[in-house]
Amino acid sequence: MNTARETPGFAAPENACDSHFHIFGDPKKYPYKSDLRYTPQVSTAEDYRELAGLLGIRRMVTVQPSCFGTDNTCQLDAAALYGVENCRVIVDVDESVSSKEMDLLHSQGARGIRINVNPIQPLTAGLPESLLPKITAMEARCKEFGWSLDFLFPDWLTTEMFPSLDKLRVPFTIAHLGMNKACNGTESRGFARLLDLVKNGEGYAYLKLTAPYRISLDPDYSDVIPLARAAFEAAPTRMVWGSDYPHASFGHHDTVKIFNLLLRIFPDEKERKTVLADNPEELYGFGK
């Protein structure tokens, strides 16, 4: 279902990658778990393929949404349709996942493990500590298989987790610029610490330029531009872009409009190529 209201404002570079989107197939075939954060909008693998064609996307990374829990079938089926040489999958797995299961997931295009906390979760005592056993276990799995970790946290939790994230020794991504609100500017404590992590850390952290509507107060997302520029300038090889299609509970947002924001953030074609093609190729191992 392509509901774009704008047209692409620039030609995507060769091997452009959408590094963060979700597929929500027919719930009769892909049932949801019982405790939903939002009501998913059915958006099939075929729907997304149409959108990718419109944007000029040739590579893609589909990310397991919370509604399916640890049943990754819907995203894996999409990867099979697109071809695993062009599509990577970020899966959600239990700590007890076996090496045999990991081998199978790898053959199906999986290249990362998601650790997903509700991005509107209020400040909760003990939550950072409760995540550490899973993070430690999943880091070991990722190291074994050459995968990355993928984090979605509310802004306060991103900040609380910095000491633990700084100790990771596998590549990892932080979604939605760490959920730092654009209205707080580039000098806010959380965002400044985020920049320090990608610029001066151990070289494993990547930021996802995704879901501007989650952190913006402007209808055209203009207030996100300074944050995105600051993050890119701090560590240009540590940013990837994702559409976050079909935008979960923000489904009224236009994916092409979000894509066109890249032209305002990165007027230089070489910079767009870095974010859209070069960085995801390195992070997700396309062409290898």
C-alpha atoms as a PDB file:
ATOM      1  CA  MET A   1       0.000   0.000   0.000  1.00  0.00           C
ATOM      2  CA  ASN A   2       1.846   3.067  -1.258  1.00  0.00           C
ATOM      3  CA  THR A   3       0.301   6.171   0.323  1.00  0.00           C
ATOM      4  CA  ALA A   4       3.053   8.630  -0.661  1.00  0.00           C
ATOM      5  CA  ARG A   5       1.841  12.179  -1.218  1.00  0.00           C
ATOM      6  CA  GLU A   6       5.183  13.608  -2.379  1.00  0.00           C
ATOM      7  CA  THR A   7       7.592  12.531  -5.098  1.00  0.00           C
ATOM      8  CA  PRO A   8      11.294  11.833  -4.477  1.00  0.00           C
ATOM      9  CA  GLY A   9      13.323  15.046  -4.569  1.00  0.00           C
ATOM     10  CA  PHE A  10      16.607  13.415  -5.555  1.00  0.00           C
ATOM     11  CA  ALA A  11      17.924  10.255  -7.155  1.00  0.00           C
ATOM     12  CA  ALA A  12      19.111   7.709  -4.630  1.00  0.00           C
ATOM     13  CA  PRO A  13      22.761   6.662  -4.988  1.00  0.00           C
ATOM     14  CA  GLU A  14      23.633   3.232  -6.324  1.00  0.00           C
ATOM     15  CA  ASN A  15      22.987   0.532  -3.711  1.00  0.00           C
ATOM     16  CA  ALA A  16      20.992   2.897  -1.499  1.00  0.00           C
ATOM     17  CA  CYS A  17      19.787   1.109   1.619  1.00  0.00           C
ATOM     18  CA  ASP A  18      16.754   1.558   3.848  1.00  0.00           C
ATOM     19  CA  SER A  19      18.256   0.381   7.150  1.00  0.00           C
ATOM     20  CA  HIS A  20      15.086   0.326   9.253  1.00  0.00           C
ATOM     21  CA  PHE A  21      11.558  -0.640   8.250  1.00  0.00           C
ATOM     22  CA  HIS A  22       8.950  -3.218   9.249  1.00  0.00           C
ATOM     23  CA  ILE A  23       6.661  -5.615   7.448  1.00  0.00           C
ATOM     24  CA  PHE A  24       3.207  -6.320   8.896  1.00  0.00           C
ATOM     25  CA  GLY A  25       1.685  -9.137   6.879  1.00  0.00           C
ATOM     26  CA  ASP A  26      -1.834 -10.530   7.077  1.00  0.00           C
ATOM     27  CA  PRO A  27      -2.386 -11.220  10.810  1.00  0.00           C
ATOM     28  CA  LYS A  28      -4.170 -14.457   9.914  1.00  0.00           C
ATOM     29  CA  LYS A  29      -0.847 -15.730   8.607  1.00  0.00           C
ATOM     30  CA  TYR A  30       1.391 -13.738  10.949  1.00  0.00           C
ATOM     31  CA  PRO A  31      -0.483 -13.462  14.270  1.00  0.00           C
ATOM     32  CA  TYR A  32       0.358 -10.752  16.761  1.00  0.00           C
ATOM     33  CA  LYS A  33       1.246 -11.395  20.369  1.00  0.00           C
ATOM     34  CA  SER A  34      -1.367 -10.434  22.953  1.00  0.00           C
ATOM     35  CA  ASP A  35       0.214  -7.339  24.579  1.00  0.00           C
ATOM     36  CA  LEU A  36       0.390  -4.844  21.716  1.00  0.00           C
ATOM     37  CA  ARG A  37       1.872  -1.355  22.064  1.00  0.00           C
ATOM     38  CA  TYR A  38      -0.116  -0.213  19.007  1.00  0.00           C
ATOM     39  CA  THR A  39      -2.465  -1.643  16.401  1.00  0.00           C
ATOM     40  CA  PRO A  40      -0.294  -2.572  13.406  1.00  0.00           C
ATOM     41  CA  GLN A  41      -1.263  -1.340   9.960  1.00  0.00           C
ATOM     42  CA  VAL A  42      -1.127  -4.205   7.491  1.00  0.00           C
ATOM     43  CA  SER A  43       1.755  -3.405   5.146  1.00  0.00           C
ATOM     44  CA  THR A  44       2.929  -6.351   3.134  1.00  0.00           C
ATOM     45  CA  ALA A  45       6.285  -7.229   1.634  1.00  0.00           C
ATOM     46  CA  GLU A  46       4.805  -6.427  -1.772  1.00  0.00           C
ATOM     47  CA  ASP A  47       3.674  -2.995  -0.526  1.00  0.00           C
ATOM     48  CA  TYR A  48       7.153  -2.172   0.658  1.00  0.00           C
ATOM     49  CA  ARG A  49       8.749  -3.404  -2.566  1.00  0.00           C
ATOM     50  CA  GLU A  50       6.627  -0.882  -4.473  1.00  0.00           C
ATOM     51  CA  LEU A  51       7.751   1.907  -2.143  1.00  0.00           C
ATOM     52  CA  ALA A  52      11.404   0.875  -2.388  1.00  0.00           C
ATOM     53  CA  GLY A  53      11.153   1.029  -6.162  1.00  0.00           C
ATOM     54  CA  LEU A  54       9.733   4.537  -5.972  1.00  0.00           C
ATOM     55  CA  LEU A  55      12.586   5.696  -3.719  1.00  0.00           C
ATOM     56  CA  GLY A  56      15.323   3.902  -5.621  1.00  0.00           C
ATOM     57  CA  ILE A  57      16.167   1.653  -2.679  1.00  0.00           C
ATOM     58  CA  ARG A  58      18.150  -1.436  -3.730  1.00  0.00           C
ATOM     59  CA  ARG A  59      19.228  -2.791  -0.349  1.00  0.00           C
ATOM     60  CA  MET A  60      17.173  -3.033   2.795  1.00  0.00           C
ATOM     61  CA  VAL A  61      17.155  -4.046   6.452  1.00  0.00           C
ATOM     62  CA  THR A  62      13.830  -5.152   7.863  1.00  0.00           C
ATOM     63  CA  VAL A  63      13.580  -4.919  11.645  1.00  0.00           C
ATOM     64  CA  GLN A  64      11.468  -7.150  13.874  1.00  0.00           C
ATOM     65  CA  PRO A  65       8.646  -5.059  15.396  1.00  0.00           C
ATOM     66  CA  SER A  66       7.419  -5.617  18.940  1.00  0.00           C
ATOM     67  CA  CYS A  67       4.018  -6.966  17.875  1.00  0.00           C
ATOM     68  CA  PHE A  68       5.478 -10.323  16.779  1.00  0.00           C
ATOM     69  CA  GLY A  69       7.606 -10.965  19.846  1.00  0.00           C
ATOM     70  CA  THR A  70      10.306 -13.511  18.985  1.00  0.00           C
ATOM     71  CA  ASP A  71       8.435 -14.987  16.009  1.00  0.00           C
ATOM     72  CA  ASN A  72      10.484 -13.515  13.166  1.00  0.00           C
ATOM     73  CA  THR A  73       8.649 -15.324  10.366  1.00  0.00           C
ATOM     74  CA  CYS A  74       7.067 -12.250   8.785  1.00  0.00           C
ATOM     75  CA  GLN A  75      10.377 -10.379   8.382  1.00  0.00           C
ATOM     76  CA  LEU A  76      12.230 -13.511   7.244  1.00  0.00           C
ATOM     77  CA  ASP A  77       9.579 -14.238   4.613  1.00  0.00           C
ATOM     78  CA  ALA A  78      10.013 -10.695   3.317  1.00  0.00           C
ATOM     79  CA  ALA A  79      13.771 -11.202   3.055  1.00  0.00           C
ATOM     80  CA  ALA A  80      13.173 -14.390   1.081  1.00  0.00           C
ATOM     81  CA  LEU A  81      10.975 -12.425  -1.335  1.00  0.00           C
ATOM     82  CA  TYR A  82      13.534  -9.635  -1.792  1.00  0.00           C
ATOM     83  CA  GLY A  83      16.525 -11.993  -1.866  1.00  0.00           C
ATOM     84  CA  VAL A  84      18.826 -12.351   1.127  1.00  0.00           C
ATOM     85  CA  GLU A  85      21.717 -10.893  -0.870  1.00  0.00           C
ATOM     86  CA  ASN A  86      19.781  -7.595  -0.902  1.00  0.00           C
ATOM     87  CA  CYS A  87      17.901  -7.802   2.403  1.00  0.00           C
ATOM     88  CA  ARG A  88      19.134  -8.194   5.956  1.00  0.00           C
ATOM     89  CA  VAL A  89      16.923  -8.935   8.948  1.00  0.00           C
ATOM     90  CA  ILE A  90      17.223  -7.720  12.528  1.00  0.00           C
ATOM     91  CA  VAL A  91      15.593 -10.418  14.637  1.00  0.00           C
ATOM     92  CA  ASP A  92      14.371 -10.731  18.213  1.00  0.00           C
ATOM     93  CA  VAL A  93      15.491 -13.945  19.925  1.00  0.00           C
ATOM     94  CA  ASP A  94      15.485 -15.401  23.415  1.00  0.00           C
ATOM     95  CA  GLU A  95      18.705 -15.707  25.353  1.00  0.00           C
ATOM     96  CA  SER A  96      18.339 -19.477  25.043  1.00  0.00           C
ATOM     97  CA  VAL A  97      18.593 -19.428  21.218  1.00  0.00           C
ATOM     98  CA  SER A  98      20.713 -22.338  20.031  1.00  0.00           C
ATOM     99  CA  SER A  99      23.644 -22.232  17.617  1.00  0.00           C
ATOM    100  CA  LYS A 100      21.588 -24.331  15.213  1.00  0.00           C
ATOM    101  CA  GLU A 101      18.799 -21.747  15.275  1.00  0.00           C
ATOM    102  CA  MET A 102      21.327 -18.967  14.803  1.00  0.00           C
ATOM    103  CA  ASP A 103      22.833 -20.753  11.812  1.00  0.00           C
ATOM    104  CA  LEU A 104      19.396 -21.035  10.232  1.00  0.00           C
ATOM    105  CA  LEU A 105      18.605 -17.387  10.876  1.00  0.00           C
ATOM    106  CA  HIS A 106      21.936 -16.363   9.353  1.00  0.00           C
ATOM    107  CA  SER A 107      21.158 -18.347   6.193  1.00  0.00           C
ATOM    108  CA  GLN A 108      17.819 -16.505   5.996  1.00  0.00           C
ATOM    109  CA  GLY A 109      19.475 -13.102   6.057  1.00  0.00           C
ATOM    110  CA  ALA A 110      19.563 -12.292   9.768  1.00  0.00           C
ATOM    111  CA  ARG A 111      22.482 -10.052  10.691  1.00  0.00           C
ATOM    112  CA  GLY A 112      21.433  -8.467  13.959  1.00  0.00           C
ATOM    113  CA  ILE A 113      19.504  -8.840  17.209  1.00  0.00           C
ATOM    114  CA  ARG A 114      17.063  -6.230  18.427  1.00  0.00           C
ATOM    115  CA  ILE A 115      16.717  -5.196  22.060  1.00  0.00           C
ATOM    116  CA  ASN A 116      13.510  -3.209  22.104  1.00  0.00           C
ATOM    117  CA  VAL A 117      12.143  -1.111  24.971  1.00  0.00           C
ATOM    118  CA  ASN A 118       8.968   0.908  24.462  1.00  0.00           C
ATOM    119  CA  PRO A 119      10.248   4.348  23.349  1.00  0.00           C
ATOM    120  CA  ILE A 120       7.648   6.076  25.542  1.00  0.00           C
ATOM    121  CA  GLN A 121       8.504   4.003  28.632  1.00  0.00           C
ATOM    122  CA  PRO A 122       8.658   6.401  31.595  1.00  0.00           C
ATOM    123  CA  LEU A 123      11.607   6.536  33.954  1.00  0.00           C
ATOM    124  CA  THR A 124      11.656   3.133  35.625  1.00  0.00           C
ATOM    125  CA  ALA A 125      13.969   2.239  38.486  1.00  0.00           C
ATOM    126  CA  GLY A 126      16.039  -0.872  37.874  1.00  0.00           C
ATOM    127  CA  LEU A 127      15.276  -1.140  34.167  1.00  0.00           C
ATOM    128  CA  PRO A 128      18.848  -0.472  32.965  1.00  0.00           C
ATOM    129  CA  GLU A 129      20.219  -3.184  35.222  1.00  0.00           C
ATOM    130  CA  SER A 130      17.535  -5.660  34.176  1.00  0.00           C
ATOM    131  CA  LEU A 131      18.627  -5.380  30.535  1.00  0.00           C
ATOM    132  CA  LEU A 132      22.262  -6.229  31.128  1.00  0.00           C
ATOM    133  CA  PRO A 133      21.992 -10.063  31.171  1.00  0.00           C
ATOM    134  CA  LYS A 134      20.283 -10.125  27.769  1.00  0.00           C
ATOM    135  CA  ILE A 135      22.659  -7.557  26.311  1.00  0.00           C
ATOM    136  CA  THR A 136      25.646  -9.581  27.500  1.00  0.00           C
ATOM    137  CA  ALA A 137      24.223 -12.815  26.102  1.00  0.00           C
ATOM    138  CA  MET A 138      23.285 -11.248  22.769  1.00  0.00           C
ATOM    139  CA  GLU A 139      26.652  -9.525  22.440  1.00  0.00           C
ATOM    140  CA  ALA A 140      28.311 -12.940  22.666  1.00  0.00           C
ATOM    141  CA  ARG A 141      25.990 -14.328  19.981  1.00  0.00           C
ATOM    142  CA  CYS A 142      26.604 -11.376  17.689  1.00  0.00           C
ATOM    143  CA  LYS A 143      30.342 -11.692  18.120  1.00  0.00           C
ATOM    144  CA  GLU A 144      30.129 -15.378  17.214  1.00  0.00           C
ATOM    145  CA  PHE A 145      28.143 -14.793  14.014  1.00  0.00           C
ATOM    146  CA  GLY A 146      29.420 -11.395  12.918  1.00  0.00           C
ATOM    147  CA  TRP A 147      26.128  -9.627  13.646  1.00  0.00           C
ATOM    148  CA  SER A 148      25.224  -6.301  15.223  1.00  0.00           C
ATOM    149  CA  LEU A 149      22.991  -5.294  18.105  1.00  0.00           C
ATOM    150  CA  ASP A 150      20.057  -2.971  17.462  1.00  0.00           C
ATOM    151  CA  PHE A 151      18.720  -0.846  20.322  1.00  0.00           C
ATOM    152  CA  LEU A 152      15.452   1.037  20.670  1.00  0.00           C
ATOM    153  CA  PHE A 153      15.261   2.924  23.978  1.00  0.00           C
ATOM    154  CA  PRO A 154      13.445   5.999  25.294  1.00  0.00           C
ATOM    155  CA  ASP A 155      15.772   8.983  25.616  1.00  0.00           C
ATOM    156  CA  TRP A 156      16.291   8.700  29.365  1.00  0.00           C
ATOM    157  CA  LEU A 157      17.201   5.023  29.039  1.00  0.00           C
ATOM    158  CA  THR A 158      19.646   5.702  26.204  1.00  0.00           C
ATOM    159  CA  THR A 159      21.435   8.100  28.528  1.00  0.00           C
ATOM    160  CA  GLU A 160      21.374   5.654  31.449  1.00  0.00           C
ATOM    161  CA  MET A 161      22.819   2.897  29.264  1.00  0.00           C
ATOM    162  CA  PHE A 162      25.836   4.822  27.955  1.00  0.00           C
ATOM    163  CA  PRO A 163      28.348   3.205  30.350  1.00  0.00           C
ATOM    164  CA  SER A 164      27.195  -0.270  29.275  1.00  0.00           C
ATOM    165  CA  LEU A 165      27.016   0.603  25.570  1.00  0.00           C
ATOM    166  CA  ASP A 166      30.537   1.991  25.684  1.00  0.00           C
ATOM    167  CA  LYS A 167      31.794  -1.428  26.789  1.00  0.00           C
ATOM    168  CA  LEU A 168      30.276  -3.333  23.861  1.00  0.00           C
ATOM    169  CA  ARG A 169      32.694  -4.928  21.423  1.00  0.00           C
ATOM    170  CA  VAL A 170      30.324  -5.646  18.560  1.00  0.00           C
ATOM    171  CA  PRO A 171      28.753  -3.109  16.177  1.00  0.00           C
ATOM    172  CA  PHE A 172      25.478  -1.682  17.478  1.00  0.00           C
ATOM    173  CA  THR A 173      22.879   0.815  16.339  1.00  0.00           C
ATOM    174  CA  ILE A 174      20.786   3.268  18.334  1.00  0.00           C
ATOM    175  CA  ALA A 175      17.452   4.057  16.691  1.00  0.00           C
ATOM    176  CA  HIS A 176      15.835   7.444  16.184  1.00  0.00           C
ATOM    177  CA  LEU A 177      18.950   9.423  17.237  1.00  0.00           C
ATOM    178  CA  GLY A 178      18.517   8.014  20.721  1.00  0.00           C
ATOM    179  CA  MET A 179      14.998   9.495  20.950  1.00  0.00           C
ATOM    180  CA  ASN A 180      16.557  12.840  21.892  1.00  0.00           C
ATOM    181  CA  LYS A 181      13.923  15.529  21.463  1.00  0.00           C
ATOM    182  CA  ALA A 182      14.865  18.051  18.793  1.00  0.00           C
ATOM    183  CA  CYS A 183      13.526  20.936  20.876  1.00  0.00           C
ATOM    184  CA  ASN A 184      16.299  20.321  23.434  1.00  0.00           C
ATOM    185  CA  GLY A 185      18.932  21.093  20.823  1.00  0.00           C
ATOM    186  CA  THR A 186      22.372  19.707  20.174  1.00  0.00           C
ATOM    187  CA  GLU A 187      23.789  20.830  23.528  1.00  0.00           C
ATOM    188  CA  SER A 188      21.472  18.769  25.721  1.00  0.00           C
ATOM    189  CA  ARG A 189      23.220  16.351  28.052  1.00  0.00           C
ATOM    190  CA  GLY A 190      21.794  13.235  26.430  1.00  0.00           C
ATOM    191  CA  PHE A 191      22.544  14.249  22.862  1.00  0.00           C
ATOM    192  CA  ALA A 192      26.025  15.557  23.676  1.00  0.00           C
ATOM    193  CA  ARG A 193      26.826  12.238  25.341  1.00  0.00           C
ATOM    194  CA  LEU A 194      25.460  10.390  22.310  1.00  0.00           C
ATOM    195  CA  LEU A 195      27.793  12.327  20.022  1.00  0.00           C
ATOM    196  CA  ASP A 196      30.704  11.538  22.308  1.00  0.00           C
ATOM    197  CA  LEU A 197      29.865   7.844  22.103  1.00  0.00           C
ATOM    198  CA  VAL A 198      29.975   7.730  18.298  1.00  0.00           C
ATOM    199  CA  LYS A 199      32.913  10.126  17.965  1.00  0.00           C
ATOM    200  CA  ASN A 200      35.203   9.076  20.802  1.00  0.00           C
ATOM    201  CA  GLY A 201      34.007   5.597  21.748  1.00  0.00           C
ATOM    202  CA  GLU A 202      35.567   2.335  20.678  1.00  0.00           C
ATOM    203  CA  GLY A 203      34.268   2.506  17.107  1.00  0.00           C
ATOM    204  CA  TYR A 204      31.269   0.182  17.400  1.00  0.00           C
ATOM    205  CA  ALA A 205      28.369   2.648  17.743  1.00  0.00           C
ATOM    206  CA  TYR A 206      26.136   3.701  14.847  1.00  0.00           C
ATOM    207  CA  LEU A 207      23.194   6.109  14.889  1.00  0.00           C
ATOM    208  CA  LYS A 208      20.027   5.520  12.941  1.00  0.00           C
ATOM    209  CA  LEU A 209      18.528   8.599  11.317  1.00  0.00           C
ATOM    210  CA  THR A 210      14.980   7.309  11.562  1.00  0.00           C
ATOM    211  CA  ALA A 211      11.445   8.366  12.555  1.00  0.00           C
ATOM    212  CA  PRO A 212      11.959  12.156  12.718  1.00  0.00           C
ATOM    213  CA  TYR A 213       8.325  12.525  13.769  1.00  0.00           C
ATOM    214  CA  ARG A 214       9.122  10.832  17.081  1.00  0.00           C
ATOM    215  CA  ILE A 215      11.499  13.601  18.145  1.00  0.00           C
ATOM    216  CA  SER A 216      10.249  16.626  16.171  1.00  0.00           C
ATOM    217  CA  LEU A 217       7.732  19.362  16.913  1.00  0.00           C
ATOM    218  CA  ASP A 218       7.802  20.746  13.345  1.00  0.00           C
ATOM    219  CA  PRO A 219       5.437  19.444  10.648  1.00  0.00           C
ATOM    220  CA  ASP A 220       8.329  19.413   8.170  1.00  0.00           C
ATOM    221  CA  TYR A 221      10.862  18.069  10.740  1.00  0.00           C
ATOM    222  CA  SER A 222      13.102  21.145  10.347  1.00  0.00           C
ATOM    223  CA  ASP A 223      14.127  21.007  14.012  1.00  0.00           C
ATOM    224  CA  VAL A 224      15.723  17.590  13.426  1.00  0.00           C
ATOM    225  CA  ILE A 225      18.187  18.957  10.861  1.00  0.00           C
ATOM    226  CA  PRO A 226      20.653  20.456  13.401  1.00  0.00           C
ATOM    227  CA  LEU A 227      20.751  17.177  15.347  1.00  0.00           C
ATOM    228  CA  ALA A 228      21.294  15.103  12.217  1.00  0.00           C
ATOM    229  CA  ARG A 229      24.029  17.441  10.975  1.00  0.00           C
ATOM    230  CA  ALA A 230      25.791  17.438  14.337  1.00  0.00           C
ATOM    231  CA  ALA A 231      25.695  13.648  14.482  1.00  0.00           C
ATOM    232  CA  PHE A 232      27.008  13.278  10.946  1.00  0.00           C
ATOM    233  CA  GLU A 233      29.782  15.796  11.432  1.00  0.00           C
ATOM    234  CA  ALA A 234      30.825  14.105  14.682  1.00  0.00           C
ATOM    235  CA  ALA A 235      31.148  10.694  13.016  1.00  0.00           C
ATOM    236  CA  PRO A 236      30.261  10.607   9.296  1.00  0.00           C
ATOM    237  CA  THR A 237      30.891   6.873   8.932  1.00  0.00           C
ATOM    238  CA  ARG A 238      28.589   6.065  11.862  1.00  0.00           C
ATOM    239  CA  MET A 239      25.148   7.019  10.556  1.00  0.00           C
ATOM    240  CA  VAL A 240      22.608   5.055   8.531  1.00  0.00           C
ATOM    241  CA  TRP A 241      19.151   6.063   7.344  1.00  0.00           C
ATOM    242  CA  GLY A 242      15.873   4.204   7.653  1.00  0.00           C
ATOM    243  CA  SER A 243      12.326   5.017   6.611  1.00  0.00           C
ATOM    244  CA  ASP A 244      10.682   3.358   9.650  1.00  0.00           C
ATOM    245  CA  TYR A 245       7.906   2.420   7.201  1.00  0.00           C
ATOM    246  CA  PRO A 246       4.970   1.999   7.845  1.00  0.00           C
ATOM    247  CA  HIS A 247       5.559   4.184  10.928  1.00  0.00           C
ATOM    248  CA  ALA A 248       3.662   2.106  13.531  1.00  0.00           C
ATOM    249  CA  SER A 249       1.254   4.436  15.373  1.00  0.00           C
ATOM    250  CA  PHE A 250       2.455   7.360  13.219  1.00  0.00           C
ATOM    251  CA  GLY A 251       1.104   5.877  10.000  1.00  0.00           C
ATOM    252  CA  HIS A 252      -0.189   9.194   8.645  1.00  0.00           C
ATOM    253  CA  HIS A 253       3.368  10.359   7.907  1.00  0.00           C
ATOM    254  CA  ASP A 254       4.511  10.335   4.285  1.00  0.00           C
ATOM    255  CA  THR A 255       7.544   8.107   3.699  1.00  0.00           C
ATOM    256  CA  VAL A 256       8.648  10.072   0.638  1.00  0.00           C
ATOM    257  CA  LYS A 257       8.544  13.298   2.659  1.00  0.00           C
ATOM    258  CA  ILE A 258      10.809  11.631   5.218  1.00  0.00           C
ATOM    259  CA  PHE A 259      13.125  10.496   2.420  1.00  0.00           C
ATOM    260  CA  ASN A 260      13.214  14.022   0.990  1.00  0.00           C
ATOM    261  CA  LEU A 261      14.367  15.350   4.364  1.00  0.00           C
ATOM    262  CA  LEU A 262      17.740  13.841   3.478  1.00  0.00           C
ATOM    263  CA  LEU A 263      18.184  16.445   0.752  1.00  0.00           C
ATOM    264  CA  ARG A 264      17.820  19.211   3.346  1.00  0.00           C
ATOM    265  CA  ILE A 265      20.162  17.545   5.833  1.00  0.00           C
ATOM    266  CA  PHE A 266      22.726  16.458   3.246  1.00  0.00           C
ATOM    267  CA  PRO A 267      22.679  18.776   0.212  1.00  0.00           C
ATOM    268  CA  ASP A 268      26.011  17.248  -0.830  1.00  0.00           C
ATOM    269  CA  GLU A 269      25.474  14.144  -2.945  1.00  0.00           C
ATOM    270  CA  LYS A 270      28.608  12.504  -1.513  1.00  0.00           C
ATOM    271  CA  GLU A 271      27.272  12.855   2.015  1.00  0.00           C
ATOM    272  CA  ARG A 272      23.983  11.224   1.015  1.00  0.00           C
ATOM    273  CA  LYS A 273      25.927   8.361  -0.532  1.00  0.00           C
ATOM    274  CA  THR A 274      27.862   7.909   2.699  1.00  0.00           C
ATOM    275  CA  VAL A 275      24.685   7.613   4.784  1.00  0.00           C
ATOM    276  CA  LEU A 276      22.514   5.755   2.290  1.00  0.00           C
ATOM    277  CA  ALA A 277      25.006   3.352   0.721  1.00  0.00           C
ATOM    278  CA  ASP A 278      28.532   3.218   2.111  1.00  0.00           C
ATOM    279  CA  ASN A 279      27.785   3.010   5.827  1.00  0.00           C
ATOM    280  CA  PRO A 280      25.066   0.330   5.644  1.00  0.00           C
ATOM    281  CA  GLU A 281      27.215  -1.713   3.272  1.00  0.00           C
ATOM    282  CA  GLU A 282      29.947  -1.797   5.903  1.00  0.00           C
ATOM    283  CA  LEU A 283      27.626  -2.350   8.872  1.00  0.00           C
ATOM    284  CA  TYR A 284      25.425  -5.063   7.382  1.00  0.00           C
ATOM    285  CA  GLY A 285      27.975  -6.766   5.157  1.00  0.00           C
ATOM    286  CA  PHE A 286      26.249  -6.320   1.815  1.00  0.00           C
ATOM    287  CA  GLY A 287      28.260  -7.726  -1.057  1.00  0.00           C
ATOM    288  CA  LYS A 288      30.166 -10.097   1.202  1.00  0.00           C
END
